[in-house]
Amino acid sequence: MRKHRTPEQWQALVDQQRASGLSAPLFCKQENIGYASFCNWRKRLSDPSTDESSGSGEAGFLDLSSLMGNSPSSGPGWNIVLSLGNGVELRLSQNG
């Protein structure tokens, strides 16, 4: 019998998967969750236009100061590529 979960329960599962360090397919197999359903809900909950994920639409920031090369062993520069989907990429490079 299929288990019907609330959006809050799906959000908890998505959060657990992220915290687990496991890939989504492996997490779903371990938790006996349908992978397609998990992906559908993960996408649904990450879409800021949906009202179901109230409170999760806040902006988040990632501190990249550790990439600035403060230690001699870190090398002279860095390169960051952010894939936004649909072939769109944001590329950041340090000059000098």
PDB file of N, CA and C in Angstrom:
ATOM      1  N   MET A   1       0.839  -1.188   0.000  1.00  0.00           N
ATOM      2  CA  MET A   1       0.000   0.000   0.000  1.00  0.00           C
ATOM      3  C   MET A   1       0.880   1.247   0.000  1.00  0.00           C
ATOM      4  N   ARG A   2       0.521   2.213  -0.825  1.00  0.00           N
ATOM      5  CA  ARG A   2       1.307   3.437  -0.918  1.00  0.00           C
ATOM      6  C   ARG A   2       1.032   4.354   0.265  1.00  0.00           C
ATOM      7  N   LYS A   3       2.071   4.973   0.757  1.00  0.00           N
ATOM      8  CA  LYS A   3       1.939   5.895   1.865  1.00  0.00           C
ATOM      9  C   LYS A   3       1.808   7.311   1.312  1.00  0.00           C
ATOM     10  N   HIS A   4       0.798   8.027   1.765  1.00  0.00           N
ATOM     11  CA  HIS A   4       0.607   9.408   1.335  1.00  0.00           C
ATOM     12  C   HIS A   4       1.223  10.330   2.379  1.00  0.00           C
ATOM     13  N   ARG A   5       2.128  11.187   1.921  1.00  0.00           N
ATOM     14  CA  ARG A   5       2.846  12.082   2.821  1.00  0.00           C
ATOM     15  C   ARG A   5       2.404  13.526   2.589  1.00  0.00           C
ATOM     16  N   THR A   6       2.475  14.314   3.651  1.00  0.00           N
ATOM     17  CA  THR A   6       2.163  15.744   3.549  1.00  0.00           C
ATOM     18  C   THR A   6       3.383  16.469   2.976  1.00  0.00           C
ATOM     19  N   PRO A   7       3.197  17.693   2.481  1.00  0.00           N
ATOM     20  CA  PRO A   7       4.354  18.472   2.014  1.00  0.00           C
ATOM     21  C   PRO A   7       5.419  18.634   3.107  1.00  0.00           C
ATOM     22  N   GLU A   8       4.998  18.761   4.345  1.00  0.00           N
ATOM     23  CA  GLU A   8       5.956  18.895   5.452  1.00  0.00           C
ATOM     24  C   GLU A   8       6.779  17.620   5.625  1.00  0.00           C
ATOM     25  N   GLN A   9       6.140  16.467   5.454  1.00  0.00           N
ATOM     26  CA  GLN A   9       6.860  15.197   5.555  1.00  0.00           C
ATOM     27  C   GLN A   9       7.847  15.041   4.406  1.00  0.00           C
ATOM     28  N   TRP A  10       7.439  15.463   3.194  1.00  0.00           N
ATOM     29  CA  TRP A  10       8.362  15.407   2.054  1.00  0.00           C
ATOM     30  C   TRP A  10       9.535  16.348   2.287  1.00  0.00           C
ATOM     31  N   GLN A  11       9.277  17.536   2.843  1.00  0.00           N
ATOM     32  CA  GLN A  11      10.373  18.474   3.112  1.00  0.00           C
ATOM     33  C   GLN A  11      11.350  17.859   4.098  1.00  0.00           C
ATOM     34  N   ALA A  12      10.838  17.180   5.109  1.00  0.00           N
ATOM     35  CA  ALA A  12      11.711  16.518   6.083  1.00  0.00           C
ATOM     36  C   ALA A  12      12.562  15.444   5.409  1.00  0.00           C
ATOM     37  N   LEU A  13      11.978  14.692   4.489  1.00  0.00           N
ATOM     38  CA  LEU A  13      12.734  13.666   3.763  1.00  0.00           C
ATOM     39  C   LEU A  13      13.804  14.292   2.869  1.00  0.00           C
ATOM     40  N   VAL A  14      13.464  15.380   2.196  1.00  0.00           N
ATOM     41  CA  VAL A  14      14.438  16.074   1.350  1.00  0.00           C
ATOM     42  C   VAL A  14      15.598  16.577   2.212  1.00  0.00           C
ATOM     43  N   ASP A  15      15.271  17.148   3.365  1.00  0.00           N
ATOM     44  CA  ASP A  15      16.311  17.630   4.276  1.00  0.00           C
ATOM     45  C   ASP A  15      17.178  16.482   4.794  1.00  0.00           C
ATOM     46  N   GLN A  16      16.553  15.352   5.114  1.00  0.00           N
ATOM     47  CA  GLN A  16      17.298  14.184   5.590  1.00  0.00           C
ATOM     48  C   GLN A  16      18.254  13.680   4.519  1.00  0.00           C
ATOM     49  N   GLN A  17      17.784  13.658   3.274  1.00  0.00           N
ATOM     50  CA  GLN A  17      18.640  13.178   2.186  1.00  0.00           C
ATOM     51  C   GLN A  17      19.850  14.087   2.032  1.00  0.00           C
ATOM     52  N   ARG A  18      19.631  15.392   2.068  1.00  0.00           N
ATOM     53  CA  ARG A  18      20.751  16.340   1.940  1.00  0.00           C
ATOM     54  C   ARG A  18      21.744  16.163   3.073  1.00  0.00           C
ATOM     55  N   ALA A  19      21.252  15.999   4.279  1.00  0.00           N
ATOM     56  CA  ALA A  19      22.129  15.856   5.447  1.00  0.00           C
ATOM     57  C   ALA A  19      22.842  14.507   5.477  1.00  0.00           C
ATOM     58  N   SER A  20      22.255  13.514   4.826  1.00  0.00           N
ATOM     59  CA  SER A  20      22.821  12.164   4.883  1.00  0.00           C
ATOM     60  C   SER A  20      24.107  12.018   4.077  1.00  0.00           C
ATOM     61  N   GLY A  21      24.262  12.843   3.057  1.00  0.00           N
ATOM     62  CA  GLY A  21      25.414  12.698   2.179  1.00  0.00           C
ATOM     63  C   GLY A  21      25.229  11.611   1.131  1.00  0.00           C
ATOM     64  N   LEU A  22      24.095  10.928   1.168  1.00  0.00           N
ATOM     65  CA  LEU A  22      23.806   9.880   0.193  1.00  0.00           C
ATOM     66  C   LEU A  22      23.237  10.496  -1.084  1.00  0.00           C
ATOM     67  N   SER A  23      23.438   9.813  -2.197  1.00  0.00           N
ATOM     68  CA  SER A  23      22.792  10.247  -3.426  1.00  0.00           C
ATOM     69  C   SER A  23      21.291  10.044  -3.256  1.00  0.00           C
ATOM     70  N   ALA A  24      20.509  10.779  -4.037  1.00  0.00           N
ATOM     71  CA  ALA A  24      19.056  10.657  -3.936  1.00  0.00           C
ATOM     72  C   ALA A  24      18.580   9.232  -4.242  1.00  0.00           C
ATOM     73  N   PRO A  25      19.097   8.579  -5.309  1.00  0.00           N
ATOM     74  CA  PRO A  25      18.631   7.206  -5.567  1.00  0.00           C
ATOM     75  C   PRO A  25      18.946   6.239  -4.416  1.00  0.00           C
ATOM     76  N   LEU A  26      20.137   6.365  -3.848  1.00  0.00           N
ATOM     77  CA  LEU A  26      20.515   5.481  -2.748  1.00  0.00           C
ATOM     78  C   LEU A  26      19.678   5.757  -1.504  1.00  0.00           C
ATOM     79  N   PHE A  27      19.449   7.045  -1.203  1.00  0.00           N
ATOM     80  CA  PHE A  27      18.620   7.410  -0.059  1.00  0.00           C
ATOM     81  C   PHE A  27      17.204   6.852  -0.222  1.00  0.00           C
ATOM     82  N   CYS A  28      16.644   7.006  -1.423  1.00  0.00           N
ATOM     83  CA  CYS A  28      15.284   6.515  -1.678  1.00  0.00           C
ATOM     84  C   CYS A  28      15.202   5.004  -1.521  1.00  0.00           C
ATOM     85  N   LYS A  29      16.215   4.312  -2.009  1.00  0.00           N
ATOM     86  CA  LYS A  29      16.235   2.856  -1.871  1.00  0.00           C
ATOM     87  C   LYS A  29      16.306   2.472  -0.396  1.00  0.00           C
ATOM     88  N   GLN A  30      17.169   3.153   0.349  1.00  0.00           N
ATOM     89  CA  GLN A  30      17.347   2.861   1.768  1.00  0.00           C
ATOM     90  C   GLN A  30      16.064   3.136   2.558  1.00  0.00           C
ATOM     91  N   GLU A  31      15.358   4.207   2.197  1.00  0.00           N
ATOM     92  CA  GLU A  31      14.143   4.595   2.921  1.00  0.00           C
ATOM     93  C   GLU A  31      12.861   4.020   2.313  1.00  0.00           C
ATOM     94  N   ASN A  32      13.026   3.219   1.243  1.00  0.00           N
ATOM     95  CA  ASN A  32      11.884   2.622   0.549  1.00  0.00           C
ATOM     96  C   ASN A  32      10.902   3.687   0.048  1.00  0.00           C
ATOM     97  N   ILE A  33      11.481   4.690  -0.635  1.00  0.00           N
ATOM     98  CA  ILE A  33      10.717   5.805  -1.204  1.00  0.00           C
ATOM     99  C   ILE A  33      10.852   5.725  -2.712  1.00  0.00           C
ATOM    100  N   GLY A  34       9.789   5.998  -3.428  1.00  0.00           N
ATOM    101  CA  GLY A  34       9.860   6.049  -4.886  1.00  0.00           C
ATOM    102  C   GLY A  34      10.743   7.208  -5.330  1.00  0.00           C
ATOM    103  N   TYR A  35      11.759   6.900  -6.130  1.00  0.00           N
ATOM    104  CA  TYR A  35      12.708   7.927  -6.574  1.00  0.00           C
ATOM    105  C   TYR A  35      12.015   9.027  -7.378  1.00  0.00           C
ATOM    106  N   ALA A  36      11.110   8.650  -8.277  1.00  0.00           N
ATOM    107  CA  ALA A  36      10.418   9.653  -9.097  1.00  0.00           C
ATOM    108  C   ALA A  36       9.576  10.580  -8.215  1.00  0.00           C
ATOM    109  N   SER A  37       8.900  10.018  -7.228  1.00  0.00           N
ATOM    110  CA  SER A  37       8.102  10.836  -6.307  1.00  0.00           C
ATOM    111  C   SER A  37       8.997  11.775  -5.507  1.00  0.00           C
ATOM    112  N   PHE A  38      10.121  11.243  -5.046  1.00  0.00           N
ATOM    113  CA  PHE A  38      11.059  12.058  -4.281  1.00  0.00           C
ATOM    114  C   PHE A  38      11.542  13.239  -5.122  1.00  0.00           C
ATOM    115  N   CYS A  39      11.944  12.962  -6.361  1.00  0.00           N
ATOM    116  CA  CYS A  39      12.432  14.034  -7.240  1.00  0.00           C
ATOM    117  C   CYS A  39      11.346  15.055  -7.527  1.00  0.00           C
ATOM    118  N   ASN A  40      10.127  14.565  -7.733  1.00  0.00           N
ATOM    119  CA  ASN A  40       9.006  15.470  -7.980  1.00  0.00           C
ATOM    120  C   ASN A  40       8.790  16.408  -6.798  1.00  0.00           C
ATOM    121  N   TRP A  41       8.778  15.853  -5.595  1.00  0.00           N
ATOM    122  CA  TRP A  41       8.566  16.673  -4.404  1.00  0.00           C
ATOM    123  C   TRP A  41       9.753  17.592  -4.119  1.00  0.00           C
ATOM    124  N   ARG A  42      10.955  17.100  -4.359  1.00  0.00           N
ATOM    125  CA  ARG A  42      12.140  17.948  -4.142  1.00  0.00           C
ATOM    126  C   ARG A  42      12.068  19.179  -5.036  1.00  0.00           C
ATOM    127  N   LYS A  43      11.698  18.959  -6.296  1.00  0.00           N
ATOM    128  CA  LYS A  43      11.573  20.075  -7.234  1.00  0.00           C
ATOM    129  C   LYS A  43      10.428  20.995  -6.819  1.00  0.00           C
ATOM    130  N   ARG A  44       9.318  20.395  -6.467  1.00  0.00           N
ATOM    131  CA  ARG A  44       8.138  21.150  -6.064  1.00  0.00           C
ATOM    132  C   ARG A  44       8.418  22.031  -4.851  1.00  0.00           C
ATOM    133  N   LEU A  45       9.138  21.475  -3.886  1.00  0.00           N
ATOM    134  CA  LEU A  45       9.429  22.206  -2.657  1.00  0.00           C
ATOM    135  C   LEU A  45      10.507  23.266  -2.839  1.00  0.00           C
ATOM    136  N   SER A  46      11.342  23.110  -3.867  1.00  0.00           N
ATOM    137  CA  SER A  46      12.396  24.104  -4.098  1.00  0.00           C
ATOM    138  C   SER A  46      11.919  25.234  -4.996  1.00  0.00           C
ATOM    139  N   ASP A  47      10.736  25.085  -5.612  1.00  0.00           N
ATOM    140  CA  ASP A  47      10.190  26.104  -6.504  1.00  0.00           C
ATOM    141  C   ASP A  47       9.616  27.246  -5.663  1.00  0.00           C
ATOM    142  N   PRO A  48      10.202  28.448  -5.738  1.00  0.00           N
ATOM    143  CA  PRO A  48       9.740  29.557  -4.900  1.00  0.00           C
ATOM    144  C   PRO A  48       8.328  30.032  -5.241  1.00  0.00           C
ATOM    145  N   SER A  49       7.780  29.617  -6.374  1.00  0.00           N
ATOM    146  CA  SER A  49       6.439  30.070  -6.747  1.00  0.00           C
ATOM    147  C   SER A  49       5.337  29.245  -6.098  1.00  0.00           C
ATOM    148  N   THR A  50       5.693  28.142  -5.417  1.00  0.00           N
ATOM    149  CA  THR A  50       4.675  27.329  -4.758  1.00  0.00           C
ATOM    150  C   THR A  50       4.471  27.820  -3.338  1.00  0.00           C
ATOM    151  N   ASP A  51       3.224  27.828  -2.915  1.00  0.00           N
ATOM    152  CA  ASP A  51       2.884  28.279  -1.574  1.00  0.00           C
ATOM    153  C   ASP A  51       3.053  27.175  -0.539  1.00  0.00           C
ATOM    154  N   GLU A  52       3.207  25.924  -0.982  1.00  0.00           N
ATOM    155  CA  GLU A  52       3.305  24.799  -0.059  1.00  0.00           C
ATOM    156  C   GLU A  52       4.555  24.864   0.808  1.00  0.00           C
ATOM    157  N   SER A  53       5.590  25.491   0.312  1.00  0.00           N
ATOM    158  CA  SER A  53       6.853  25.500   1.039  1.00  0.00           C
ATOM    159  C   SER A  53       7.045  26.821   1.777  1.00  0.00           C
ATOM    160  N   SER A  54       6.023  27.293   2.454  1.00  0.00           N
ATOM    161  CA  SER A  54       6.109  28.571   3.147  1.00  0.00           C
ATOM    162  C   SER A  54       7.264  28.545   4.137  1.00  0.00           C
ATOM    163  N   GLY A  55       8.032  29.625   4.129  1.00  0.00           N
ATOM    164  CA  GLY A  55       9.179  29.723   5.015  1.00  0.00           C
ATOM    165  C   GLY A  55      10.460  29.205   4.413  1.00  0.00           C
ATOM    166  N   SER A  56      10.416  28.416   3.357  1.00  0.00           N
ATOM    167  CA  SER A  56      11.646  27.882   2.788  1.00  0.00           C
ATOM    168  C   SER A  56      12.132  28.728   1.618  1.00  0.00           C
ATOM    169  N   GLY A  57      11.453  29.830   1.302  1.00  0.00           N
ATOM    170  CA  GLY A  57      11.843  30.666   0.181  1.00  0.00           C
ATOM    171  C   GLY A  57      12.850  31.736   0.548  1.00  0.00           C
ATOM    172  N   GLU A  58      13.407  31.688   1.757  1.00  0.00           N
ATOM    173  CA  GLU A  58      14.381  32.684   2.167  1.00  0.00           C
ATOM    174  C   GLU A  58      15.702  32.470   1.444  1.00  0.00           C
ATOM    175  N   ALA A  59      16.379  33.573   1.163  1.00  0.00           N
ATOM    176  CA  ALA A  59      17.663  33.492   0.469  1.00  0.00           C
ATOM    177  C   ALA A  59      18.709  32.879   1.387  1.00  0.00           C
ATOM    178  N   GLY A  60      19.609  32.123   0.804  1.00  0.00           N
ATOM    179  CA  GLY A  60      20.706  31.548   1.553  1.00  0.00           C
ATOM    180  C   GLY A  60      22.024  32.007   0.958  1.00  0.00           C
ATOM    181  N   PHE A  61      23.058  32.050   1.747  1.00  0.00           N
ATOM    182  CA  PHE A  61      24.356  32.502   1.285  1.00  0.00           C
ATOM    183  C   PHE A  61      25.414  31.467   1.618  1.00  0.00           C
ATOM    184  N   LEU A  62      26.396  31.373   0.763  1.00  0.00           N
ATOM    185  CA  LEU A  62      27.503  30.459   0.948  1.00  0.00           C
ATOM    186  C   LEU A  62      28.771  31.285   1.044  1.00  0.00           C
ATOM    187  N   ASP A  63      29.499  31.165   2.143  1.00  0.00           N
ATOM    188  CA  ASP A  63      30.738  31.905   2.337  1.00  0.00           C
ATOM    189  C   ASP A  63      31.844  31.280   1.501  1.00  0.00           C
ATOM    190  N   LEU A  64      32.338  32.007   0.523  1.00  0.00           N
ATOM    191  CA  LEU A  64      33.387  31.506  -0.363  1.00  0.00           C
ATOM    192  C   LEU A  64      34.763  32.077  -0.008  1.00  0.00           C
ATOM    193  N   SER A  65      34.883  32.700   1.160  1.00  0.00           N
ATOM    194  CA  SER A  65      36.156  33.314   1.527  1.00  0.00           C
ATOM    195  C   SER A  65      37.282  32.293   1.627  1.00  0.00           C
ATOM    196  N   SER A  66      36.954  31.034   1.886  1.00  0.00           N
ATOM    197  CA  SER A  66      37.992  30.005   1.966  1.00  0.00           C
ATOM    198  C   SER A  66      38.617  29.742   0.602  1.00  0.00           C
ATOM    199  N   LEU A  67      37.995  30.171  -0.462  1.00  0.00           N
ATOM    200  CA  LEU A  67      38.537  29.981  -1.810  1.00  0.00           C
ATOM    201  C   LEU A  67      39.453  31.121  -2.243  1.00  0.00           C
ATOM    202  N   MET A  68      39.649  32.097  -1.392  1.00  0.00           N
ATOM    203  CA  MET A  68      40.410  33.284  -1.770  1.00  0.00           C
ATOM    204  C   MET A  68      41.919  33.065  -1.781  1.00  0.00           C
ATOM    205  N   GLY A  69      42.372  31.918  -1.396  1.00  0.00           N
ATOM    206  CA  GLY A  69      43.804  31.629  -1.466  1.00  0.00           C
ATOM    207  C   GLY A  69      44.594  32.262  -0.348  1.00  0.00           C
ATOM    208  N   ASN A  70      44.105  32.193   0.875  1.00  0.00           N
ATOM    209  CA  ASN A  70      44.801  32.790   2.016  1.00  0.00           C
ATOM    210  C   ASN A  70      46.025  31.990   2.436  1.00  0.00           C
ATOM    211  N   SER A  71      46.092  30.709   2.083  1.00  0.00           N
ATOM    212  CA  SER A  71      47.245  29.906   2.457  1.00  0.00           C
ATOM    213  C   SER A  71      48.147  29.706   1.245  1.00  0.00           C
ATOM    214  N   PRO A  72      49.464  29.589   1.459  1.00  0.00           N
ATOM    215  CA  PRO A  72      50.391  29.444   0.337  1.00  0.00           C
ATOM    216  C   PRO A  72      50.148  28.185  -0.488  1.00  0.00           C
ATOM    217  N   SER A  73      49.594  27.148   0.123  1.00  0.00           N
ATOM    218  CA  SER A  73      49.408  25.894  -0.594  1.00  0.00           C
ATOM    219  C   SER A  73      48.146  25.882  -1.453  1.00  0.00           C
ATOM    220  N   SER A  74      47.317  26.915  -1.340  1.00  0.00           N
ATOM    221  CA  SER A  74      46.048  26.894  -2.055  1.00  0.00           C
ATOM    222  C   SER A  74      46.185  27.299  -3.519  1.00  0.00           C
ATOM    223  N   GLY A  75      47.326  27.776  -3.934  1.00  0.00           N
ATOM    224  CA  GLY A  75      47.516  28.137  -5.336  1.00  0.00           C
ATOM    225  C   GLY A  75      47.138  29.579  -5.610  1.00  0.00           C
ATOM    226  N   PRO A  76      47.424  30.046  -6.824  1.00  0.00           N
ATOM    227  CA  PRO A  76      47.254  31.458  -7.136  1.00  0.00           C
ATOM    228  C   PRO A  76      45.819  31.889  -7.435  1.00  0.00           C
ATOM    229  N   GLY A  77      44.900  31.004  -7.724  1.00  0.00           N
ATOM    230  CA  GLY A  77      43.565  31.462  -8.095  1.00  0.00           C
ATOM    231  C   GLY A  77      42.524  30.380  -7.955  1.00  0.00           C
ATOM    232  N   TRP A  78      41.322  30.713  -8.388  1.00  0.00           N
ATOM    233  CA  TRP A  78      40.213  29.780  -8.301  1.00  0.00           C
ATOM    234  C   TRP A  78      39.291  29.967  -9.486  1.00  0.00           C
ATOM    235  N   ASN A  79      38.479  28.984  -9.719  1.00  0.00           N
ATOM    236  CA  ASN A  79      37.496  29.025 -10.783  1.00  0.00           C
ATOM    237  C   ASN A  79      36.230  28.362 -10.256  1.00  0.00           C
ATOM    238  N   ILE A  80      35.098  29.023 -10.372  1.00  0.00           N
ATOM    239  CA  ILE A  80      33.816  28.479  -9.908  1.00  0.00           C
ATOM    240  C   ILE A  80      32.855  28.481 -11.087  1.00  0.00           C
ATOM    241  N   VAL A  81      32.221  27.349 -11.336  1.00  0.00           N
ATOM    242  CA  VAL A  81      31.211  27.247 -12.381  1.00  0.00           C
ATOM    243  C   VAL A  81      29.911  26.803 -11.721  1.00  0.00           C
ATOM    244  N   LEU A  82      28.877  27.614 -11.854  1.00  0.00           N
ATOM    245  CA  LEU A  82      27.572  27.298 -11.305  1.00  0.00           C
ATOM    246  C   LEU A  82      26.645  26.972 -12.467  1.00  0.00           C
ATOM    247  N   SER A  83      26.193  25.712 -12.542  1.00  0.00           N
ATOM    248  CA  SER A  83      25.278  25.293 -13.603  1.00  0.00           C
ATOM    249  C   SER A  83      23.856  25.587 -13.159  1.00  0.00           C
ATOM    250  N   LEU A  84      23.174  26.449 -13.905  1.00  0.00           N
ATOM    251  CA  LEU A  84      21.833  26.883 -13.548  1.00  0.00           C
ATOM    252  C   LEU A  84      20.745  26.100 -14.270  1.00  0.00           C
ATOM    253  N   GLY A  85      21.137  25.180 -15.127  1.00  0.00           N
ATOM    254  CA  GLY A  85      20.166  24.392 -15.879  1.00  0.00           C
ATOM    255  C   GLY A  85      19.913  24.988 -17.248  1.00  0.00           C
ATOM    256  N   ASN A  86      19.338  24.198 -18.128  1.00  0.00           N
ATOM    257  CA  ASN A  86      19.033  24.624 -19.496  1.00  0.00           C
ATOM    258  C   ASN A  86      20.260  25.169 -20.222  1.00  0.00           C
ATOM    259  N   GLY A  87      21.440  24.656 -19.885  1.00  0.00           N
ATOM    260  CA  GLY A  87      22.666  25.072 -20.551  1.00  0.00           C
ATOM    261  C   GLY A  87      23.229  26.397 -20.077  1.00  0.00           C
ATOM    262  N   VAL A  88      22.644  27.001 -19.051  1.00  0.00           N
ATOM    263  CA  VAL A  88      23.105  28.289 -18.535  1.00  0.00           C
ATOM    264  C   VAL A  88      24.110  28.042 -17.417  1.00  0.00           C
ATOM    265  N   GLU A  89      25.266  28.682 -17.527  1.00  0.00           N
ATOM    266  CA  GLU A  89      26.303  28.557 -16.506  1.00  0.00           C
ATOM    267  C   GLU A  89      26.787  29.933 -16.082  1.00  0.00           C
ATOM    268  N   LEU A  90      27.090  30.070 -14.808  1.00  0.00           N
ATOM    269  CA  LEU A  90      27.697  31.272 -14.261  1.00  0.00           C
ATOM    270  C   LEU A  90      29.141  30.904 -13.909  1.00  0.00           C
ATOM    271  N   ARG A  91      30.102  31.583 -14.520  1.00  0.00           N
ATOM    272  CA  ARG A  91      31.515  31.278 -14.300  1.00  0.00           C
ATOM    273  C   ARG A  91      32.191  32.448 -13.589  1.00  0.00           C
ATOM    274  N   LEU A  92      32.908  32.139 -12.505  1.00  0.00           N
ATOM    275  CA  LEU A  92      33.643  33.136 -11.743  1.00  0.00           C
ATOM    276  C   LEU A  92      35.117  32.750 -11.749  1.00  0.00           C
ATOM    277  N   SER A  93      35.974  33.692 -12.035  1.00  0.00           N
ATOM    278  CA  SER A  93      37.420  33.430 -12.037  1.00  0.00           C
ATOM    279  C   SER A  93      38.138  34.558 -11.319  1.00  0.00           C
ATOM    280  N   GLN A  94      39.175  34.201 -10.579  1.00  0.00           N
ATOM    281  CA  GLN A  94      39.966  35.201  -9.880  1.00  0.00           C
ATOM    282  C   GLN A  94      41.082  35.674 -10.807  1.00  0.00           C
ATOM    283  N   ASN A  95      41.246  36.965 -10.940  1.00  0.00           N
ATOM    284  CA  ASN A  95      42.315  37.508 -11.766  1.00  0.00           C
ATOM    285  C   ASN A  95      43.564  37.739 -10.930  1.00  0.00           C
ATOM    286  N   GLY A  96      44.707  37.419 -11.515  1.00  0.00           N
ATOM    287  CA  GLY A  96      45.971  37.705 -10.849  1.00  0.00           C
ATOM    288  C   GLY A  96      46.357  36.686  -9.941  1.00  0.00           C
TER     289      GLY A  96
END
